[in-house]
Structure formats: structure tokens, C-alpha cells
Amino acid sequence: MDLVVAHLAENIGLEPAIMRVMGRLRIVLQDAIEGGNPADMALVLGPGGTEARLE
């Protein structure tokens, strides 16, 4: 989770990144369980990402 926040914060800032990851914790945890890449997850959660298809 921390790595996803770190990657996402590069684009939207730390506080918005924390809030976005916390708000979508189920998606992040499922991706982590499946061995997902934190940088890829940050892209999905970022502005214009494709998070809607994951929910």
C-alpha cells in the first residue's frame, strides 16, 4: 500500500494519494495478494486511470 501511495503521490500529491488509496483499499489489497506491481496500481488509481473496470 505504501508503495502505491508513493507512486501515486508523484502525480497528485501525498494527501490526495493517501485518500485515494484508502478509499479503494479493497482493490489495492486484492492486487497486492495477486502480486501486482505498485507502479501499475498507481497508474490505475491515478487521474484518467481505469479503476472503474476493476470494481
C-alpha atoms as a PDB file:
ATOM      1  CA  MET A   1       0.000   0.000   0.000  1.00  0.00           C
ATOM      2  CA  ASP A   2       2.807   2.394   0.860  1.00  0.00           C
ATOM      3  CA  LEU A   3       4.473   1.838  -2.492  1.00  0.00           C
ATOM      4  CA  VAL A   4       1.225   2.519  -4.344  1.00  0.00           C
ATOM      5  CA  VAL A   5       0.812   5.773  -2.389  1.00  0.00           C
ATOM      6  CA  ALA A   6       4.404   6.748  -3.140  1.00  0.00           C
ATOM      7  CA  HIS A   7       3.970   6.205  -6.871  1.00  0.00           C
ATOM      8  CA  LEU A   8       0.584   7.928  -6.986  1.00  0.00           C
ATOM      9  CA  ALA A   9       1.845  10.893  -4.950  1.00  0.00           C
ATOM     10  CA  GLU A  10       4.267  11.727  -7.763  1.00  0.00           C
ATOM     11  CA  ASN A  11       1.259  12.729  -9.878  1.00  0.00           C
ATOM     12  CA  ILE A  12      -1.374  14.013  -7.468  1.00  0.00           C
ATOM     13  CA  GLY A  13       0.425  14.834  -4.205  1.00  0.00           C
ATOM     14  CA  LEU A  14       0.759  12.916  -0.966  1.00  0.00           C
ATOM     15  CA  GLU A  15      -2.517  13.670   0.800  1.00  0.00           C
ATOM     16  CA  PRO A  16      -4.740  13.063  -2.254  1.00  0.00           C
ATOM     17  CA  ALA A  17      -2.789   9.856  -2.948  1.00  0.00           C
ATOM     18  CA  ILE A  18      -3.349   8.580   0.595  1.00  0.00           C
ATOM     19  CA  MET A  19      -7.056   9.363   0.413  1.00  0.00           C
ATOM     20  CA  ARG A  20      -7.467   7.707  -2.987  1.00  0.00           C
ATOM     21  CA  VAL A  21      -5.643   4.524  -1.947  1.00  0.00           C
ATOM     22  CA  MET A  22      -7.559   4.323   1.350  1.00  0.00           C
ATOM     23  CA  GLY A  23     -10.839   4.829  -0.489  1.00  0.00           C
ATOM     24  CA  ARG A  24     -10.016   1.955  -2.811  1.00  0.00           C
ATOM     25  CA  LEU A  25      -8.300  -0.281  -0.306  1.00  0.00           C
ATOM     26  CA  ARG A  26     -10.104  -3.429  -1.473  1.00  0.00           C
ATOM     27  CA  ILE A  27      -8.691  -3.030  -4.980  1.00  0.00           C
ATOM     28  CA  VAL A  28      -5.173  -2.340  -3.705  1.00  0.00           C
ATOM     29  CA  LEU A  29      -5.216  -5.299  -1.304  1.00  0.00           C
ATOM     30  CA  GLN A  30      -6.519  -7.682  -3.956  1.00  0.00           C
ATOM     31  CA  ASP A  31      -3.807  -6.543  -6.351  1.00  0.00           C
ATOM     32  CA  ALA A  32      -1.151  -6.988  -3.639  1.00  0.00           C
ATOM     33  CA  ILE A  33      -2.394 -10.516  -2.895  1.00  0.00           C
ATOM     34  CA  GLU A  34      -2.088 -11.326  -6.586  1.00  0.00           C
ATOM     35  CA  GLY A  35       1.469  -9.951  -6.709  1.00  0.00           C
ATOM     36  CA  GLY A  36       0.623  -6.778  -8.606  1.00  0.00           C
ATOM     37  CA  ASN A  37       3.131  -4.063  -9.407  1.00  0.00           C
ATOM     38  CA  PRO A  38       2.691  -0.937  -7.196  1.00  0.00           C
ATOM     39  CA  ALA A  39       3.585   1.383 -10.092  1.00  0.00           C
ATOM     40  CA  ASP A  40       0.894  -0.208 -12.278  1.00  0.00           C
ATOM     41  CA  MET A  41      -1.648   0.048  -9.475  1.00  0.00           C
ATOM     42  CA  ALA A  42      -0.825   3.744  -9.028  1.00  0.00           C
ATOM     43  CA  LEU A  43      -1.492   4.282 -12.735  1.00  0.00           C
ATOM     44  CA  VAL A  44      -4.871   2.577 -12.444  1.00  0.00           C
ATOM     45  CA  LEU A  45      -5.825   4.709  -9.425  1.00  0.00           C
ATOM     46  CA  GLY A  46      -4.459   7.919 -10.902  1.00  0.00           C
ATOM     47  CA  PRO A  47      -6.372  10.579 -12.796  1.00  0.00           C
ATOM     48  CA  GLY A  48      -7.722   9.082 -16.005  1.00  0.00           C
ATOM     49  CA  GLY A  49      -6.944   5.570 -14.763  1.00  0.00           C
ATOM     50  CA  THR A  50      -9.109   2.569 -15.464  1.00  0.00           C
ATOM     51  CA  GLU A  51     -10.150   1.785 -11.878  1.00  0.00           C
ATOM     52  CA  ALA A  52     -13.826   1.546 -12.871  1.00  0.00           C
ATOM     53  CA  ARG A  53     -13.186  -1.681 -14.762  1.00  0.00           C
ATOM     54  CA  LEU A  54     -11.595  -3.233 -11.669  1.00  0.00           C
ATOM     55  CA  GLU A  55     -14.562  -2.654  -9.346  1.00  0.00           C
END
